[in-house]
Protein backbone atom coordinates (compact mmCIF):
# COMPACT_ATOMS: atom_id res chain seq x y z
CA UNK A 1 100.45 32.75 188.75
CA UNK A 2 101.63 29.64 190.53
CA UNK A 3 99.21 27.80 192.82
CA UNK A 4 101.39 28.55 195.84
CA UNK A 5 101.28 32.28 195.07
CA UNK A 6 97.51 32.15 194.59
CA UNK A 7 97.11 30.49 198.00
CA UNK A 8 99.50 33.01 199.58
CA UNK A 9 97.58 35.99 198.15
CA UNK A 10 94.26 34.44 199.17
CA UNK A 11 95.38 33.87 202.77
CA UNK A 12 96.81 37.38 203.03
CA UNK A 13 93.69 38.99 201.57
CA UNK A 14 91.44 36.93 203.84
CA UNK A 15 93.54 37.84 206.88
CA UNK A 16 93.31 41.53 205.97
CA UNK A 17 89.67 41.71 204.87
CA UNK A 18 87.93 38.73 206.47
CA UNK A 19 84.59 37.90 204.88
CA UNK A 20 84.94 40.83 202.48
CA UNK A 21 88.09 39.36 200.90
CA UNK A 22 86.23 37.46 198.18
CA UNK A 23 84.42 40.63 197.10
CA UNK A 24 87.73 42.51 197.11
CA UNK A 25 89.30 39.90 194.82
CA UNK A 26 86.26 40.02 192.52
CA UNK A 27 86.53 43.82 192.34
CA UNK A 28 90.22 43.58 191.41
CA UNK A 29 89.37 40.95 188.78
CA UNK A 30 86.73 43.23 187.20
CA UNK A 31 89.12 46.18 187.20
CA UNK A 32 91.72 44.10 185.38
CA UNK A 33 89.14 42.91 182.84
CA UNK A 34 88.04 46.50 182.19
CA UNK A 35 91.67 47.54 181.73
CA UNK A 36 92.21 44.71 179.23
CA UNK A 37 94.51 42.68 181.50
CA UNK A 38 93.03 39.24 180.90
CA UNK A 39 95.91 37.30 182.46
CA UNK A 40 95.87 39.37 185.63
CA UNK A 41 92.08 39.02 185.79
CA UNK A 42 92.48 35.23 185.63
CA UNK A 43 94.93 35.40 188.53
CA UNK A 44 92.43 37.37 190.63
CA UNK A 45 89.69 34.87 189.76
CA UNK A 46 91.95 32.09 191.04
CA UNK A 47 92.56 34.09 194.23
CA UNK A 48 88.80 34.58 194.62
CA UNK A 49 88.20 30.84 194.29
CA UNK A 50 90.94 30.12 196.84
CA UNK A 51 89.34 32.56 199.29
CA UNK A 52 86.03 30.78 198.79
CA UNK A 53 87.73 27.51 199.76
CA UNK A 54 89.31 29.11 202.83
CA UNK A 55 85.94 30.44 203.96
CA UNK A 56 84.33 27.05 203.55
CA UNK A 57 80.80 26.08 202.54
CA UNK A 58 77.69 28.07 203.46
CA UNK A 59 79.57 31.25 204.23
CA UNK A 60 77.58 33.51 201.95
């Protein structure tokens, strides 16, 4: 997934879920891993990292 798409997904997920967005992305990543979708899992990990950046430091 392109970096712009990752950032777009991260912003949308954060807008929809607030502080729970990172956990939501992690859950989607695990589901993809369990289903054998390694590439999609990597995309969700990138989204999770982007959400962490949006939230900023010391936000749990």
